[in-house]
Structures are given as C-alpha cells and as structure tokens.
Amino acid sequence: METKTTDYVYDNVIQIEDAEASRKYLAKIFTWMFVAMGISAFTAYEFAANLELLKYIINPVSGGFTALGYVAIFSPIAFSMVINFGYQRIAYPVMVGIFLLYAVVIGVSLSLICLIYTASSIFAVFLTSALIFGVMAIGGYVTHQDLTKFGTILYLIFIGAFIAGLVNFFIGSESVSYILSFVFAATMIGLTAYYVQALKRIGAGLEYGTDSYKKLVIVGAFTLFTAFINLFLALLRIFGNRR
C-alpha cells in the first residue's frame, strides 16, 4: 500500500508540473501569434489604404503583380523552410526577426483581399475563423485521444492540396480553387487541434527559459499563425462577398 500511495502522489506531482509547463509554453506561443496577427493586420491596412504602397505589389498599368508582389505571395514557403528546418542553427534574436518579417509579408499579401472582398465579409469571416480556431485549439488541448495519426493524414492531404494550389495559381481555374478551399478549410480545422496537442506535449518536456525553449516558442507561434491564416483565407474564398 505504501509503495502504491507514494507512486500515485509522485505521478500526480509530475502531471501538475507538466501541465504547468505546457500552459506556460502555449501562453507564450499564443502571445507571439497575436503579435504577428497585429503586425499583419496593420500592414494589410496600410497597403490597402495607400495607393502608393499598393503600387509596389500591383502594377497600376497591367494590373498584374510586380516582382515584390510575387515575392510577397511565394516567400512564405521560404520562411516556412527556414523556421521549421533551420531554427537549430539560427540565433534566437534572428528567429524573432524572421518571424516578424514573415508577419509583415503576410500582411502585404492580405492587403490584396481588401481589393477583392467587402470589408464586412472580411470581418465576418475573420470572426468565424477565430471562433473555429479557438474551439479546435481548446479541443486539442483538453482531449486525451492521441491525434498523431489523424494529424499526419491531414498534413499529407494539406501538402497535396498546397501543390495543387500552386499549379492552379498559374492555370487560374475558379472551380479547382473553390474545391481546394474546402480541402484547406477542413485540413486546417483538424490540424489546429493536432498542432495544439503536439505543442502541449513539447512544452511539457522542455526546460523553461533555455535558448532552445525560446526558439521553439517562435516555431510554435509560426505554426499556429500560419494555420489560422490558411483557415481564414480558405473560408473567405468560400463565404466572402466580392466587391
């Protein structure tokens, strides 16, 4: 009896410490995510409201993208590779700088939606996306079911849809784009729960305050921020009212 009681108490202490570590880790991740969202929103507004800035990404004569416009659209792929695969070799201040620059680039890209969709529909879809994202994030945090296999399947589907989306960007098929929007929305909804559960487990095993800990906070913020943006854009393409 004594042995069982001792083990029981010890196990619960570890669970409490792990839960506290996870909460702190996720709190920092969401803080950085909200910072990125604020930067992107400000940048998008500035570019959409200022024709002089907008000329840097859209050619006023041809109506097509400028070189900077194409960089803003496709550079997130490079950001993703650098942050996810190169973070161990990058100093923490540089990681922060890259992440904040990524938020600016996303803001530049988002300024284009202000020219396509009405402000009221953008706002409504944003609130809907935030609600869905929040519900799935909470679900991923509290569920005891292992979402690893589920998340892996969704991630593979997302990669396939992303490649199809890149091809369709040059083809310009509206029907394919519409179908892919549903795929992106569904995968992002599921991946949100998966990501939060995975980050919860990562946070429980990290030593607080280390350089690796701080860099993984940025990686986590990048992951959730990107998931939210993808969800928002997918829902906007489905439900947004065009001008």
C-alpha atoms as a PDB file:
ATOM      1  CA  MET A   1       0.000   0.000   0.000  1.00  0.00           C
ATOM      2  CA  GLU A   2       2.757   2.466   0.853  1.00  0.00           C
ATOM      3  CA  THR A   3       4.507   1.871  -2.424  1.00  0.00           C
ATOM      4  CA  LYS A   4       1.328   2.413  -4.412  1.00  0.00           C
ATOM      5  CA  THR A   5       0.478   5.555  -2.491  1.00  0.00           C
ATOM      6  CA  THR A   6       3.932   7.008  -2.993  1.00  0.00           C
ATOM      7  CA  ASP A   7       3.860   6.273  -6.707  1.00  0.00           C
ATOM      8  CA  TYR A   8       0.413   7.789  -7.022  1.00  0.00           C
ATOM      9  CA  VAL A   9       1.463  11.037  -5.352  1.00  0.00           C
ATOM     10  CA  TYR A  10       4.659  11.221  -7.404  1.00  0.00           C
ATOM     11  CA  ASP A  11       2.806  10.667 -10.658  1.00  0.00           C
ATOM     12  CA  ASN A  12       0.342  13.427  -9.869  1.00  0.00           C
ATOM     13  CA  VAL A  13       3.129  15.866  -8.995  1.00  0.00           C
ATOM     14  CA  ILE A  14       4.749  15.184 -12.357  1.00  0.00           C
ATOM     15  CA  GLN A  15       1.414  15.663 -14.131  1.00  0.00           C
ATOM     16  CA  ILE A  16       0.890  19.004 -12.398  1.00  0.00           C
ATOM     17  CA  GLU A  17       4.398  20.181 -13.288  1.00  0.00           C
ATOM     18  CA  ASP A  18       3.965  19.036 -16.890  1.00  0.00           C
ATOM     19  CA  ALA A  19       0.573  20.733 -17.167  1.00  0.00           C
ATOM     20  CA  GLU A  20       2.005  23.969 -15.790  1.00  0.00           C
ATOM     21  CA  ALA A  21       4.953  23.801 -18.205  1.00  0.00           C
ATOM     22  CA  SER A  22       2.593  23.209 -21.124  1.00  0.00           C
ATOM     23  CA  ARG A  23       0.383  26.135 -20.130  1.00  0.00           C
ATOM     24  CA  LYS A  24       3.345  28.498 -19.905  1.00  0.00           C
ATOM     25  CA  TYR A  25       4.716  27.291 -23.215  1.00  0.00           C
ATOM     26  CA  LEU A  26       1.379  27.645 -25.030  1.00  0.00           C
ATOM     27  CA  ALA A  27       0.747  31.030 -23.427  1.00  0.00           C
ATOM     28  CA  LYS A  28       3.999  32.343 -24.882  1.00  0.00           C
ATOM     29  CA  ILE A  29       3.192  30.804 -28.256  1.00  0.00           C
ATOM     30  CA  PHE A  30      -0.216  32.467 -28.408  1.00  0.00           C
ATOM     31  CA  THR A  31       1.277  35.778 -27.283  1.00  0.00           C
ATOM     32  CA  TRP A  32       3.697  35.756 -30.216  1.00  0.00           C
ATOM     33  CA  MET A  33       0.915  34.608 -32.512  1.00  0.00           C
ATOM     34  CA  PHE A  34      -1.243  37.584 -31.515  1.00  0.00           C
ATOM     35  CA  VAL A  35       1.728  39.916 -32.050  1.00  0.00           C
ATOM     36  CA  ALA A  36       2.123  38.522 -35.572  1.00  0.00           C
ATOM     37  CA  MET A  37      -1.596  38.928 -36.248  1.00  0.00           C
ATOM     38  CA  GLY A  38      -1.445  42.556 -35.139  1.00  0.00           C
ATOM     39  CA  ILE A  39       1.538  43.270 -37.389  1.00  0.00           C
ATOM     40  CA  SER A  40      -0.122  41.562 -40.361  1.00  0.00           C
ATOM     41  CA  ALA A  41      -3.408  43.414 -39.820  1.00  0.00           C
ATOM     42  CA  PHE A  42      -1.623  46.779 -39.597  1.00  0.00           C
ATOM     43  CA  THR A  43       0.485  46.058 -42.692  1.00  0.00           C
ATOM     44  CA  ALA A  44      -2.542  44.868 -44.683  1.00  0.00           C
ATOM     45  CA  TYR A  45      -4.484  48.013 -43.784  1.00  0.00           C
ATOM     46  CA  GLU A  46      -1.610  50.324 -44.678  1.00  0.00           C
ATOM     47  CA  PHE A  47      -1.070  48.745 -48.093  1.00  0.00           C
ATOM     48  CA  ALA A  48      -4.780  48.515 -48.907  1.00  0.00           C
ATOM     49  CA  ALA A  49      -5.458  52.127 -47.897  1.00  0.00           C
ATOM     50  CA  ASN A  50      -2.365  53.671 -49.510  1.00  0.00           C
ATOM     51  CA  LEU A  51      -2.259  53.556 -53.300  1.00  0.00           C
ATOM     52  CA  GLU A  52       1.417  54.487 -53.303  1.00  0.00           C
ATOM     53  CA  LEU A  53       2.251  51.412 -51.266  1.00  0.00           C
ATOM     54  CA  LEU A  54      -0.113  49.245 -53.291  1.00  0.00           C
ATOM     55  CA  LYS A  55       1.807  50.115 -56.449  1.00  0.00           C
ATOM     56  CA  TYR A  56       4.769  48.196 -55.069  1.00  0.00           C
ATOM     57  CA  ILE A  57       2.875  44.912 -55.314  1.00  0.00           C
ATOM     58  CA  ILE A  58       0.408  45.562 -58.159  1.00  0.00           C
ATOM     59  CA  ASN A  59       1.397  47.149 -61.442  1.00  0.00           C
ATOM     60  CA  PRO A  60      -1.087  50.005 -61.983  1.00  0.00           C
ATOM     61  CA  VAL A  61      -0.750  49.710 -65.774  1.00  0.00           C
ATOM     62  CA  SER A  62      -1.063  45.966 -66.354  1.00  0.00           C
ATOM     63  CA  GLY A  63      -2.963  45.142 -63.190  1.00  0.00           C
ATOM     64  CA  GLY A  64      -0.652  42.201 -62.583  1.00  0.00           C
ATOM     65  CA  PHE A  65       1.755  41.520 -59.765  1.00  0.00           C
ATOM     66  CA  THR A  66       5.071  43.301 -59.563  1.00  0.00           C
ATOM     67  CA  ALA A  67       8.275  41.464 -58.626  1.00  0.00           C
ATOM     68  CA  LEU A  68       7.673  42.424 -54.992  1.00  0.00           C
ATOM     69  CA  GLY A  69       4.100  41.154 -55.309  1.00  0.00           C
ATOM     70  CA  TYR A  70       5.295  37.721 -56.387  1.00  0.00           C
ATOM     71  CA  VAL A  71       7.844  37.726 -53.557  1.00  0.00           C
ATOM     72  CA  ALA A  72       5.083  38.502 -51.054  1.00  0.00           C
ATOM     73  CA  ILE A  73       2.958  35.629 -52.376  1.00  0.00           C
ATOM     74  CA  PHE A  74       5.616  32.926 -52.650  1.00  0.00           C
ATOM     75  CA  SER A  75       8.180  33.887 -49.980  1.00  0.00           C
ATOM     76  CA  PRO A  76       6.136  32.315 -47.133  1.00  0.00           C
ATOM     77  CA  ILE A  77       7.313  28.959 -48.491  1.00  0.00           C
ATOM     78  CA  ALA A  78      10.925  30.033 -47.903  1.00  0.00           C
ATOM     79  CA  PHE A  79      10.056  31.382 -44.449  1.00  0.00           C
ATOM     80  CA  SER A  80       8.478  28.045 -43.563  1.00  0.00           C
ATOM     81  CA  MET A  81      11.556  26.090 -44.597  1.00  0.00           C
ATOM     82  CA  VAL A  82      13.922  28.404 -42.725  1.00  0.00           C
ATOM     83  CA  ILE A  83      11.933  28.460 -39.485  1.00  0.00           C
ATOM     84  CA  ASN A  84      10.985  24.777 -39.384  1.00  0.00           C
ATOM     85  CA  PHE A  85      14.240  23.252 -40.601  1.00  0.00           C
ATOM     86  CA  GLY A  86      16.881  25.827 -39.745  1.00  0.00           C
ATOM     87  CA  TYR A  87      15.858  27.055 -36.302  1.00  0.00           C
ATOM     88  CA  GLN A  88      18.535  24.996 -34.517  1.00  0.00           C
ATOM     89  CA  ARG A  89      21.283  26.863 -36.371  1.00  0.00           C
ATOM     90  CA  ILE A  90      19.716  30.313 -36.057  1.00  0.00           C
ATOM     91  CA  ALA A  91      20.179  32.576 -33.035  1.00  0.00           C
ATOM     92  CA  TYR A  92      17.026  33.442 -31.105  1.00  0.00           C
ATOM     93  CA  PRO A  93      17.041  37.205 -31.948  1.00  0.00           C
ATOM     94  CA  VAL A  94      17.369  36.318 -35.635  1.00  0.00           C
ATOM     95  CA  MET A  95      14.478  33.873 -35.291  1.00  0.00           C
ATOM     96  CA  VAL A  96      12.319  36.629 -33.830  1.00  0.00           C
ATOM     97  CA  GLY A  97      13.308  38.966 -36.667  1.00  0.00           C
ATOM     98  CA  ILE A  98      12.462  36.356 -39.302  1.00  0.00           C
ATOM     99  CA  PHE A  99       9.102  35.660 -37.673  1.00  0.00           C
ATOM    100  CA  LEU A 100       8.170  39.340 -37.504  1.00  0.00           C
ATOM    101  CA  LEU A 101       9.273  39.843 -41.118  1.00  0.00           C
ATOM    102  CA  TYR A 102       7.076  36.892 -42.044  1.00  0.00           C
ATOM    103  CA  ALA A 103       4.131  38.640 -40.364  1.00  0.00           C
ATOM    104  CA  VAL A 104       4.818  41.756 -42.452  1.00  0.00           C
ATOM    105  CA  VAL A 105       4.958  39.725 -45.670  1.00  0.00           C
ATOM    106  CA  ILE A 106       1.685  38.007 -44.788  1.00  0.00           C
ATOM    107  CA  GLY A 107       0.180  41.442 -44.176  1.00  0.00           C
ATOM    108  CA  VAL A 108       1.291  42.589 -47.622  1.00  0.00           C
ATOM    109  CA  SER A 109      -0.353  39.528 -49.164  1.00  0.00           C
ATOM    110  CA  LEU A 110      -3.539  40.028 -47.140  1.00  0.00           C
ATOM    111  CA  SER A 111      -3.861  43.599 -48.405  1.00  0.00           C
ATOM    112  CA  LEU A 112      -4.911  42.122 -51.737  1.00  0.00           C
ATOM    113  CA  ILE A 113      -8.046  40.572 -50.244  1.00  0.00           C
ATOM    114  CA  CYS A 114      -9.235  44.049 -49.286  1.00  0.00           C
ATOM    115  CA  LEU A 115      -9.419  44.816 -53.004  1.00  0.00           C
ATOM    116  CA  ILE A 116     -11.403  41.656 -53.769  1.00  0.00           C
ATOM    117  CA  TYR A 117     -13.808  41.212 -50.840  1.00  0.00           C
ATOM    118  CA  THR A 118     -16.063  43.622 -48.975  1.00  0.00           C
ATOM    119  CA  ALA A 119     -14.903  44.841 -45.576  1.00  0.00           C
ATOM    120  CA  SER A 120     -17.991  43.435 -43.858  1.00  0.00           C
ATOM    121  CA  SER A 121     -17.446  39.920 -45.223  1.00  0.00           C
ATOM    122  CA  ILE A 122     -13.740  40.020 -44.323  1.00  0.00           C
ATOM    123  CA  PHE A 123     -14.637  40.979 -40.767  1.00  0.00           C
ATOM    124  CA  ALA A 124     -17.381  38.335 -40.509  1.00  0.00           C
ATOM    125  CA  VAL A 125     -15.163  35.555 -41.874  1.00  0.00           C
ATOM    126  CA  PHE A 126     -12.311  36.635 -39.602  1.00  0.00           C
ATOM    127  CA  LEU A 127     -14.532  36.334 -36.532  1.00  0.00           C
ATOM    128  CA  THR A 128     -15.812  32.959 -37.742  1.00  0.00           C
ATOM    129  CA  SER A 129     -12.259  31.742 -38.332  1.00  0.00           C
ATOM    130  CA  ALA A 130     -11.167  32.940 -34.897  1.00  0.00           C
ATOM    131  CA  LEU A 131     -14.102  31.134 -33.261  1.00  0.00           C
ATOM    132  CA  ILE A 132     -13.438  27.863 -35.094  1.00  0.00           C
ATOM    133  CA  PHE A 133      -9.713  28.124 -34.438  1.00  0.00           C
ATOM    134  CA  GLY A 134     -10.305  28.776 -30.740  1.00  0.00           C
ATOM    135  CA  VAL A 135     -12.701  25.855 -30.358  1.00  0.00           C
ATOM    136  CA  MET A 136     -10.343  23.436 -32.105  1.00  0.00           C
ATOM    137  CA  ALA A 137      -7.359  24.723 -30.136  1.00  0.00           C
ATOM    138  CA  ILE A 138      -9.181  24.109 -26.866  1.00  0.00           C
ATOM    139  CA  GLY A 139     -10.272  20.709 -28.135  1.00  0.00           C
ATOM    140  CA  GLY A 140      -6.703  19.772 -28.998  1.00  0.00           C
ATOM    141  CA  TYR A 141      -5.518  20.897 -25.583  1.00  0.00           C
ATOM    142  CA  VAL A 142      -8.076  19.062 -23.455  1.00  0.00           C
ATOM    143  CA  THR A 143      -8.577  15.854 -25.453  1.00  0.00           C
ATOM    144  CA  HIS A 144      -6.911  12.683 -24.195  1.00  0.00           C
ATOM    145  CA  GLN A 145      -7.155  10.995 -27.571  1.00  0.00           C
ATOM    146  CA  ASP A 146      -3.871  10.768 -29.476  1.00  0.00           C
ATOM    147  CA  LEU A 147      -4.234  12.835 -32.649  1.00  0.00           C
ATOM    148  CA  THR A 148      -0.857  11.892 -34.143  1.00  0.00           C
ATOM    149  CA  LYS A 149      -2.123   9.547 -36.880  1.00  0.00           C
ATOM    150  CA  PHE A 150      -5.065  11.829 -37.594  1.00  0.00           C
ATOM    151  CA  GLY A 151      -2.771  14.846 -37.871  1.00  0.00           C
ATOM    152  CA  THR A 152      -0.293  13.036 -40.114  1.00  0.00           C
ATOM    153  CA  ILE A 153      -3.040  12.123 -42.594  1.00  0.00           C
ATOM    154  CA  LEU A 154      -4.377  15.684 -42.605  1.00  0.00           C
ATOM    155  CA  TYR A 155      -0.895  17.101 -43.116  1.00  0.00           C
ATOM    156  CA  LEU A 156      -0.336  14.859 -46.152  1.00  0.00           C
ATOM    157  CA  ILE A 157      -3.679  15.978 -47.565  1.00  0.00           C
ATOM    158  CA  PHE A 158      -2.686  19.592 -46.958  1.00  0.00           C
ATOM    159  CA  ILE A 159       0.623  19.126 -48.796  1.00  0.00           C
ATOM    160  CA  GLY A 160      -1.194  17.608 -51.767  1.00  0.00           C
ATOM    161  CA  ALA A 161      -3.737  20.425 -51.818  1.00  0.00           C
ATOM    162  CA  PHE A 162      -0.955  23.005 -51.479  1.00  0.00           C
ATOM    163  CA  ILE A 163       0.868  21.619 -54.512  1.00  0.00           C
ATOM    164  CA  ALA A 164      -2.388  21.550 -56.459  1.00  0.00           C
ATOM    165  CA  GLY A 165      -2.984  25.154 -55.391  1.00  0.00           C
ATOM    166  CA  LEU A 166       0.424  26.243 -56.678  1.00  0.00           C
ATOM    167  CA  VAL A 167      -0.277  24.644 -60.046  1.00  0.00           C
ATOM    168  CA  ASN A 168      -3.739  26.178 -60.162  1.00  0.00           C
ATOM    169  CA  PHE A 169      -2.291  29.618 -59.398  1.00  0.00           C
ATOM    170  CA  PHE A 170      -0.840  29.618 -62.914  1.00  0.00           C
ATOM    171  CA  ILE A 171      -3.774  27.784 -64.530  1.00  0.00           C
ATOM    172  CA  GLY A 172      -6.401  30.011 -62.925  1.00  0.00           C
ATOM    173  CA  SER A 173      -9.299  27.557 -62.648  1.00  0.00           C
ATOM    174  CA  GLU A 174     -12.029  29.017 -60.429  1.00  0.00           C
ATOM    175  CA  SER A 175     -13.709  25.648 -59.895  1.00  0.00           C
ATOM    176  CA  VAL A 176     -10.475  23.995 -58.759  1.00  0.00           C
ATOM    177  CA  SER A 177      -9.739  26.919 -56.467  1.00  0.00           C
ATOM    178  CA  TYR A 178     -13.206  26.649 -54.936  1.00  0.00           C
ATOM    179  CA  ILE A 179     -12.851  22.908 -54.300  1.00  0.00           C
ATOM    180  CA  LEU A 180      -9.382  23.350 -52.820  1.00  0.00           C
ATOM    181  CA  SER A 181     -10.759  25.977 -50.442  1.00  0.00           C
ATOM    182  CA  PHE A 182     -12.970  23.326 -48.824  1.00  0.00           C
ATOM    183  CA  VAL A 183      -9.984  20.972 -48.568  1.00  0.00           C
ATOM    184  CA  PHE A 184      -7.814  23.657 -46.984  1.00  0.00           C
ATOM    185  CA  ALA A 185     -10.548  24.662 -44.554  1.00  0.00           C
ATOM    186  CA  ALA A 186     -11.182  21.074 -43.444  1.00  0.00           C
ATOM    187  CA  THR A 187      -7.492  20.233 -43.034  1.00  0.00           C
ATOM    188  CA  MET A 188      -6.728  23.427 -41.127  1.00  0.00           C
ATOM    189  CA  ILE A 189      -9.617  22.835 -38.738  1.00  0.00           C
ATOM    190  CA  GLY A 190      -8.300  19.375 -37.927  1.00  0.00           C
ATOM    191  CA  LEU A 191      -4.636  20.365 -37.920  1.00  0.00           C
ATOM    192  CA  THR A 192      -5.298  23.135 -35.403  1.00  0.00           C
ATOM    193  CA  ALA A 193      -6.289  20.563 -32.787  1.00  0.00           C
ATOM    194  CA  TYR A 194      -3.362  18.339 -33.763  1.00  0.00           C
ATOM    195  CA  TYR A 195      -0.825  21.173 -33.580  1.00  0.00           C
ATOM    196  CA  VAL A 196      -2.020  22.357 -30.175  1.00  0.00           C
ATOM    197  CA  GLN A 197      -1.853  18.833 -28.752  1.00  0.00           C
ATOM    198  CA  ALA A 198       1.640  18.353 -30.185  1.00  0.00           C
ATOM    199  CA  LEU A 199       2.818  21.721 -28.800  1.00  0.00           C
ATOM    200  CA  LYS A 200       1.310  20.871 -25.419  1.00  0.00           C
ATOM    201  CA  ARG A 201       3.422  17.720 -25.287  1.00  0.00           C
ATOM    202  CA  ILE A 202       6.535  19.535 -26.476  1.00  0.00           C
ATOM    203  CA  GLY A 203       6.108  22.210 -23.809  1.00  0.00           C
ATOM    204  CA  ALA A 204       5.848  19.590 -21.080  1.00  0.00           C
ATOM    205  CA  GLY A 205       9.281  18.244 -21.946  1.00  0.00           C
ATOM    206  CA  LEU A 206      11.212  21.491 -22.382  1.00  0.00           C
ATOM    207  CA  GLU A 207      13.402  23.256 -19.862  1.00  0.00           C
ATOM    208  CA  TYR A 208      11.919  26.688 -19.277  1.00  0.00           C
ATOM    209  CA  GLY A 209      13.945  29.705 -20.346  1.00  0.00           C
ATOM    210  CA  THR A 210      16.639  27.948 -22.390  1.00  0.00           C
ATOM    211  CA  ASP A 211      17.611  29.176 -25.833  1.00  0.00           C
ATOM    212  CA  SER A 212      16.057  26.081 -27.393  1.00  0.00           C
ATOM    213  CA  TYR A 213      12.845  26.699 -25.442  1.00  0.00           C
ATOM    214  CA  LYS A 214      12.566  30.281 -26.698  1.00  0.00           C
ATOM    215  CA  LYS A 215      13.221  29.295 -30.304  1.00  0.00           C
ATOM    216  CA  LEU A 216      10.618  26.529 -30.155  1.00  0.00           C
ATOM    217  CA  VAL A 217       8.124  29.110 -28.887  1.00  0.00           C
ATOM    218  CA  ILE A 218       8.670  31.022 -32.133  1.00  0.00           C
ATOM    219  CA  VAL A 219       8.336  27.822 -34.177  1.00  0.00           C
ATOM    220  CA  GLY A 220       5.062  27.075 -32.407  1.00  0.00           C
ATOM    221  CA  ALA A 221       3.763  30.600 -32.952  1.00  0.00           C
ATOM    222  CA  PHE A 222       4.696  30.378 -36.625  1.00  0.00           C
ATOM    223  CA  THR A 223       2.841  27.063 -36.956  1.00  0.00           C
ATOM    224  CA  LEU A 224      -0.397  28.249 -35.345  1.00  0.00           C
ATOM    225  CA  PHE A 225      -0.296  31.658 -37.025  1.00  0.00           C
ATOM    226  CA  THR A 226       0.102  30.012 -40.429  1.00  0.00           C
ATOM    227  CA  ALA A 227      -2.708  27.552 -39.676  1.00  0.00           C
ATOM    228  CA  PHE A 228      -5.042  30.400 -38.745  1.00  0.00           C
ATOM    229  CA  ILE A 229      -4.190  32.433 -41.861  1.00  0.00           C
ATOM    230  CA  ASN A 230      -4.778  29.404 -44.084  1.00  0.00           C
ATOM    231  CA  LEU A 231      -8.110  28.733 -42.392  1.00  0.00           C
ATOM    232  CA  PHE A 232      -9.161  32.366 -42.726  1.00  0.00           C
ATOM    233  CA  LEU A 233      -8.255  32.559 -46.425  1.00  0.00           C
ATOM    234  CA  ALA A 234      -9.974  29.252 -47.199  1.00  0.00           C
ATOM    235  CA  LEU A 235     -13.209  30.326 -45.502  1.00  0.00           C
ATOM    236  CA  LEU A 236     -13.014  33.733 -47.144  1.00  0.00           C
ATOM    237  CA  ARG A 237     -12.823  32.146 -50.593  1.00  0.00           C
ATOM    238  CA  ILE A 238     -15.897  30.062 -49.741  1.00  0.00           C
ATOM    239  CA  PHE A 239     -18.089  32.582 -47.936  1.00  0.00           C
ATOM    240  CA  GLY A 240     -16.599  36.006 -48.757  1.00  0.00           C
ATOM    241  CA  ASN A 241     -18.651  38.546 -50.718  1.00  0.00           C
ATOM    242  CA  ARG A 242     -16.717  40.016 -53.611  1.00  0.00           C
ATOM    243  CA  ARG A 243     -16.820  43.699 -54.425  1.00  0.00           C
END
